[in-house]
Amino acid sequence: MNYGMIGYVVPHTLYPGGYYCVPDLRVPFISIAAQKNFIAVYHMGLYINEPLMEWFIAGL
């Protein structure tokens, strides 16, 4: 749970570099939140961190 939402992250075992600003944090991937009239899905963009995006595409 992060920011009051269910969140899924990329663990350090798969991507040891961590979050680009704070390497100790795991990389956020997707979050799901229940709002008053809808359910929100927040997909964290991988375009911010070029090495992470290349790693993600190579694993597909």
PDB file of N, CA and C in Angstrom:
ATOM      1  N   MET A   1       0.852  -1.179   0.000  1.00  0.00           N
ATOM      2  CA  MET A   1       0.000   0.000   0.000  1.00  0.00           C
ATOM      3  C   MET A   1       0.898   1.242   0.000  1.00  0.00           C
ATOM      4  N   ASN A   2       0.733   2.047  -1.008  1.00  0.00           N
ATOM      5  CA  ASN A   2       1.411   3.336  -1.093  1.00  0.00           C
ATOM      6  C   ASN A   2       0.381   4.392  -1.446  1.00  0.00           C
ATOM      7  N   TYR A   3       0.438   5.507  -0.777  1.00  0.00           N
ATOM      8  CA  TYR A   3      -0.475   6.627  -1.054  1.00  0.00           C
ATOM      9  C   TYR A   3      -1.935   6.208  -0.947  1.00  0.00           C
ATOM     10  N   GLY A   4      -2.244   5.255  -0.094  1.00  0.00           N
ATOM     11  CA  GLY A   4      -3.618   4.805   0.088  1.00  0.00           C
ATOM     12  C   GLY A   4      -4.141   3.944  -1.045  1.00  0.00           C
ATOM     13  N   MET A   5      -3.263   3.412  -1.879  1.00  0.00           N
ATOM     14  CA  MET A   5      -3.665   2.586  -3.017  1.00  0.00           C
ATOM     15  C   MET A   5      -2.914   1.261  -2.973  1.00  0.00           C
ATOM     16  N   ILE A   6      -3.509   0.254  -3.596  1.00  0.00           N
ATOM     17  CA  ILE A   6      -2.791  -0.995  -3.792  1.00  0.00           C
ATOM     18  C   ILE A   6      -1.756  -0.728  -4.871  1.00  0.00           C
ATOM     19  N   GLY A   7      -0.517  -1.061  -4.601  1.00  0.00           N
ATOM     20  CA  GLY A   7       0.525  -0.779  -5.575  1.00  0.00           C
ATOM     21  C   GLY A   7       1.398  -1.996  -5.832  1.00  0.00           C
ATOM     22  N   TYR A   8       1.798  -2.148  -7.063  1.00  0.00           N
ATOM     23  CA  TYR A   8       2.720  -3.207  -7.454  1.00  0.00           C
ATOM     24  C   TYR A   8       4.024  -2.559  -7.884  1.00  0.00           C
ATOM     25  N   VAL A   9       5.129  -3.139  -7.460  1.00  0.00           N
ATOM     26  CA  VAL A   9       6.442  -2.563  -7.746  1.00  0.00           C
ATOM     27  C   VAL A   9       7.335  -3.613  -8.401  1.00  0.00           C
ATOM     28  N   VAL A  10       8.405  -3.130  -9.029  1.00  0.00           N
ATOM     29  CA  VAL A  10       9.443  -4.006  -9.560  1.00  0.00           C
ATOM     30  C   VAL A  10      10.450  -4.196  -8.431  1.00  0.00           C
ATOM     31  N   PRO A  11      10.638  -5.411  -7.929  1.00  0.00           N
ATOM     32  CA  PRO A  11      11.528  -5.628  -6.787  1.00  0.00           C
ATOM     33  C   PRO A  11      13.001  -5.429  -7.148  1.00  0.00           C
ATOM     34  N   HIS A  12      13.797  -5.187  -6.115  1.00  0.00           N
ATOM     35  CA  HIS A  12      15.232  -4.996  -6.320  1.00  0.00           C
ATOM     36  C   HIS A  12      15.907  -6.244  -6.891  1.00  0.00           C
ATOM     37  N   THR A  13      15.321  -7.413  -6.660  1.00  0.00           N
ATOM     38  CA  THR A  13      15.921  -8.629  -7.209  1.00  0.00           C
ATOM     39  C   THR A  13      15.860  -8.643  -8.738  1.00  0.00           C
ATOM     40  N   LEU A  14      14.832  -7.991  -9.313  1.00  0.00           N
ATOM     41  CA  LEU A  14      14.713  -7.920 -10.772  1.00  0.00           C
ATOM     42  C   LEU A  14      15.385  -6.688 -11.351  1.00  0.00           C
ATOM     43  N   TYR A  15      15.308  -5.564 -10.637  1.00  0.00           N
ATOM     44  CA  TYR A  15      15.925  -4.313 -11.109  1.00  0.00           C
ATOM     45  C   TYR A  15      16.624  -3.662  -9.926  1.00  0.00           C
ATOM     46  N   PRO A  16      17.894  -4.013  -9.681  1.00  0.00           N
ATOM     47  CA  PRO A  16      18.605  -3.531  -8.491  1.00  0.00           C
ATOM     48  C   PRO A  16      18.884  -2.033  -8.484  1.00  0.00           C
ATOM     49  N   GLY A  17      18.768  -1.356  -9.630  1.00  0.00           N
ATOM     50  CA  GLY A  17      19.027   0.079  -9.676  1.00  0.00           C
ATOM     51  C   GLY A  17      18.032   0.896  -8.881  1.00  0.00           C
ATOM     52  N   GLY A  18      16.836   0.361  -8.665  1.00  0.00           N
ATOM     53  CA  GLY A  18      15.809   1.058  -7.905  1.00  0.00           C
ATOM     54  C   GLY A  18      15.252   2.271  -8.635  1.00  0.00           C
ATOM     55  N   TYR A  19      14.503   3.063  -7.893  1.00  0.00           N
ATOM     56  CA  TYR A  19      13.876   4.265  -8.436  1.00  0.00           C
ATOM     57  C   TYR A  19      14.961   5.276  -8.773  1.00  0.00           C
ATOM     58  N   TYR A  20      14.847   5.971  -9.889  1.00  0.00           N
ATOM     59  CA  TYR A  20      15.956   6.792 -10.378  1.00  0.00           C
ATOM     60  C   TYR A  20      16.358   7.925  -9.444  1.00  0.00           C
ATOM     61  N   CYS A  21      15.429   8.499  -8.699  1.00  0.00           N
ATOM     62  CA  CYS A  21      15.764   9.579  -7.758  1.00  0.00           C
ATOM     63  C   CYS A  21      16.273   9.035  -6.426  1.00  0.00           C
ATOM     64  N   VAL A  22      15.670   7.964  -5.967  1.00  0.00           N
ATOM     65  CA  VAL A  22      16.013   7.353  -4.680  1.00  0.00           C
ATOM     66  C   VAL A  22      16.244   5.864  -4.925  1.00  0.00           C
ATOM     67  N   PRO A  23      17.494   5.454  -5.195  1.00  0.00           N
ATOM     68  CA  PRO A  23      17.755   4.045  -5.548  1.00  0.00           C
ATOM     69  C   PRO A  23      17.334   3.028  -4.488  1.00  0.00           C
ATOM     70  N   ASP A  24      17.158   3.450  -3.230  1.00  0.00           N
ATOM     71  CA  ASP A  24      16.719   2.516  -2.190  1.00  0.00           C
ATOM     72  C   ASP A  24      15.262   2.098  -2.365  1.00  0.00           C
ATOM     73  N   LEU A  25      14.464   2.903  -3.062  1.00  0.00           N
ATOM     74  CA  LEU A  25      13.057   2.580  -3.290  1.00  0.00           C
ATOM     75  C   LEU A  25      12.911   1.633  -4.470  1.00  0.00           C
ATOM     76  N   ARG A  26      11.936   0.743  -4.360  1.00  0.00           N
ATOM     77  CA  ARG A  26      11.633  -0.134  -5.488  1.00  0.00           C
ATOM     78  C   ARG A  26      10.893   0.675  -6.549  1.00  0.00           C
ATOM     79  N   VAL A  27      10.981   0.251  -7.778  1.00  0.00           N
ATOM     80  CA  VAL A  27      10.373   0.978  -8.893  1.00  0.00           C
ATOM     81  C   VAL A  27       8.866   0.720  -8.911  1.00  0.00           C
ATOM     82  N   PRO A  28       8.041   1.781  -8.816  1.00  0.00           N
ATOM     83  CA  PRO A  28       6.589   1.584  -8.898  1.00  0.00           C
ATOM     84  C   PRO A  28       6.196   1.187 -10.317  1.00  0.00           C
ATOM     85  N   PHE A  29       5.227   0.281 -10.428  1.00  0.00           N
ATOM     86  CA  PHE A  29       4.795  -0.174 -11.740  1.00  0.00           C
ATOM     87  C   PHE A  29       3.336   0.186 -12.020  1.00  0.00           C
ATOM     88  N   ILE A  30       2.435  -0.223 -11.128  1.00  0.00           N
ATOM     89  CA  ILE A  30       1.013   0.070 -11.341  1.00  0.00           C
ATOM     90  C   ILE A  30       0.312   0.160  -9.985  1.00  0.00           C
ATOM     91  N   SER A  31      -0.686   1.023  -9.901  1.00  0.00           N
ATOM     92  CA  SER A  31      -1.478   1.178  -8.678  1.00  0.00           C
ATOM     93  C   SER A  31      -2.959   1.155  -9.036  1.00  0.00           C
ATOM     94  N   ILE A  32      -3.768   0.683  -8.097  1.00  0.00           N
ATOM     95  CA  ILE A  32      -5.215   0.621  -8.279  1.00  0.00           C
ATOM     96  C   ILE A  32      -5.868   1.309  -7.085  1.00  0.00           C
ATOM     97  N   ALA A  33      -6.819   2.204  -7.365  1.00  0.00           N
ATOM     98  CA  ALA A  33      -7.487   2.933  -6.289  1.00  0.00           C
ATOM     99  C   ALA A  33      -8.987   2.987  -6.536  1.00  0.00           C
ATOM    100  N   ALA A  34      -9.759   2.901  -5.463  1.00  0.00           N
ATOM    101  CA  ALA A  34     -11.210   3.027  -5.554  1.00  0.00           C
ATOM    102  C   ALA A  34     -11.578   4.476  -5.249  1.00  0.00           C
ATOM    103  N   GLN A  35     -12.217   5.132  -6.191  1.00  0.00           N
ATOM    104  CA  GLN A  35     -12.695   6.498  -6.012  1.00  0.00           C
ATOM    105  C   GLN A  35     -14.201   6.446  -5.746  1.00  0.00           C
ATOM    106  N   LYS A  36     -14.826   7.592  -5.602  1.00  0.00           N
ATOM    107  CA  LYS A  36     -16.256   7.609  -5.272  1.00  0.00           C
ATOM    108  C   LYS A  36     -17.109   6.984  -6.385  1.00  0.00           C
ATOM    109  N   ASN A  37     -16.833   7.358  -7.643  1.00  0.00           N
ATOM    110  CA  ASN A  37     -17.674   6.890  -8.741  1.00  0.00           C
ATOM    111  C   ASN A  37     -16.957   6.006  -9.754  1.00  0.00           C
ATOM    112  N   PHE A  38     -15.728   5.655  -9.492  1.00  0.00           N
ATOM    113  CA  PHE A  38     -14.996   4.842 -10.453  1.00  0.00           C
ATOM    114  C   PHE A  38     -13.794   4.182  -9.776  1.00  0.00           C
ATOM    115  N   ILE A  39     -13.191   3.258 -10.490  1.00  0.00           N
ATOM    116  CA  ILE A  39     -11.945   2.632 -10.040  1.00  0.00           C
ATOM    117  C   ILE A  39     -10.849   3.152 -10.948  1.00  0.00           C
ATOM    118  N   ALA A  40      -9.775   3.661 -10.345  1.00  0.00           N
ATOM    119  CA  ALA A  40      -8.675   4.246 -11.108  1.00  0.00           C
ATOM    120  C   ALA A  40      -7.499   3.272 -11.179  1.00  0.00           C
ATOM    121  N   VAL A  41      -6.902   3.189 -12.347  1.00  0.00           N
ATOM    122  CA  VAL A  41      -5.693   2.402 -12.544  1.00  0.00           C
ATOM    123  C   VAL A  41      -4.604   3.376 -12.968  1.00  0.00           C
ATOM    124  N   TYR A  42      -3.548   3.440 -12.183  1.00  0.00           N
ATOM    125  CA  TYR A  42      -2.437   4.342 -12.459  1.00  0.00           C
ATOM    126  C   TYR A  42      -1.232   3.515 -12.899  1.00  0.00           C
ATOM    127  N   HIS A  43      -0.878   3.646 -14.156  1.00  0.00           N
ATOM    128  CA  HIS A  43       0.301   2.948 -14.670  1.00  0.00           C
ATOM    129  C   HIS A  43       1.455   3.943 -14.671  1.00  0.00           C
ATOM    130  N   MET A  44       2.529   3.582 -13.985  1.00  0.00           N
ATOM    131  CA  MET A  44       3.676   4.474 -13.891  1.00  0.00           C
ATOM    132  C   MET A  44       4.478   4.371 -15.183  1.00  0.00           C
ATOM    133  N   GLY A  45       4.683   5.480 -15.825  1.00  0.00           N
ATOM    134  CA  GLY A  45       5.408   5.486 -17.093  1.00  0.00           C
ATOM    135  C   GLY A  45       6.863   5.099 -16.942  1.00  0.00           C
ATOM    136  N   LEU A  46       7.349   4.335 -17.887  1.00  0.00           N
ATOM    137  CA  LEU A  46       8.740   3.904 -17.864  1.00  0.00           C
ATOM    138  C   LEU A  46       9.617   4.809 -18.721  1.00  0.00           C
ATOM    139  N   TYR A  47       9.024   5.776 -19.397  1.00  0.00           N
ATOM    140  CA  TYR A  47       9.795   6.630 -20.300  1.00  0.00           C
ATOM    141  C   TYR A  47      10.693   7.612 -19.552  1.00  0.00           C
ATOM    142  N   ILE A  48      10.453   7.827 -18.268  1.00  0.00           N
ATOM    143  CA  ILE A  48      11.246   8.778 -17.489  1.00  0.00           C
ATOM    144  C   ILE A  48      12.683   8.281 -17.346  1.00  0.00           C
ATOM    145  N   ASN A  49      12.851   6.998 -17.178  1.00  0.00           N
ATOM    146  CA  ASN A  49      14.150   6.411 -16.911  1.00  0.00           C
ATOM    147  C   ASN A  49      14.526   5.522 -18.100  1.00  0.00           C
ATOM    148  N   GLU A  50      15.376   6.013 -18.969  1.00  0.00           N
ATOM    149  CA  GLU A  50      15.735   5.298 -20.194  1.00  0.00           C
ATOM    150  C   GLU A  50      16.290   3.885 -19.943  1.00  0.00           C
ATOM    151  N   PRO A  51      17.256   3.684 -19.004  1.00  0.00           N
ATOM    152  CA  PRO A  51      17.736   2.308 -18.775  1.00  0.00           C
ATOM    153  C   PRO A  51      16.639   1.363 -18.284  1.00  0.00           C
ATOM    154  N   LEU A  52      15.720   1.867 -17.471  1.00  0.00           N
ATOM    155  CA  LEU A  52      14.626   1.031 -16.986  1.00  0.00           C
ATOM    156  C   LEU A  52      13.697   0.652 -18.125  1.00  0.00           C
ATOM    157  N   MET A  53      13.403   1.577 -19.029  1.00  0.00           N
ATOM    158  CA  MET A  53      12.539   1.285 -20.159  1.00  0.00           C
ATOM    159  C   MET A  53      13.182   0.222 -21.051  1.00  0.00           C
ATOM    160  N   GLU A  54      14.484   0.340 -21.317  1.00  0.00           N
ATOM    161  CA  GLU A  54      15.180  -0.655 -22.136  1.00  0.00           C
ATOM    162  C   GLU A  54      15.151  -2.029 -21.458  1.00  0.00           C
ATOM    163  N   TRP A  55      15.334  -2.056 -20.122  1.00  0.00           N
ATOM    164  CA  TRP A  55      15.288  -3.316 -19.385  1.00  0.00           C
ATOM    165  C   TRP A  55      13.903  -3.950 -19.498  1.00  0.00           C
ATOM    166  N   PHE A  56      12.857  -3.127 -19.375  1.00  0.00           N
ATOM    167  CA  PHE A  56      11.482  -3.626 -19.424  1.00  0.00           C
ATOM    168  C   PHE A  56      11.171  -4.198 -20.805  1.00  0.00           C
ATOM    169  N   ILE A  57      11.544  -3.498 -21.866  1.00  0.00           N
ATOM    170  CA  ILE A  57      11.280  -3.957 -23.234  1.00  0.00           C
ATOM    171  C   ILE A  57      12.056  -5.237 -23.534  1.00  0.00           C
ATOM    172  N   ALA A  58      13.292  -5.328 -23.050  1.00  0.00           N
ATOM    173  CA  ALA A  58      14.096  -6.524 -23.294  1.00  0.00           C
ATOM    174  C   ALA A  58      13.491  -7.761 -22.627  1.00  0.00           C
ATOM    175  N   GLY A  59      12.754  -7.570 -21.548  1.00  0.00           N
ATOM    176  CA  GLY A  59      12.150  -8.701 -20.855  1.00  0.00           C
ATOM    177  C   GLY A  59      10.844  -9.175 -21.451  1.00  0.00           C
ATOM    178  N   LEU A  60      10.290  -8.432 -22.413  1.00  0.00           N
ATOM    179  CA  LEU A  60       9.007  -8.830 -23.010  1.00  0.00           C
ATOM    180  C   LEU A  60       9.134  -9.988 -23.961  1.00  0.00           C
TER     181      LEU A  60
END
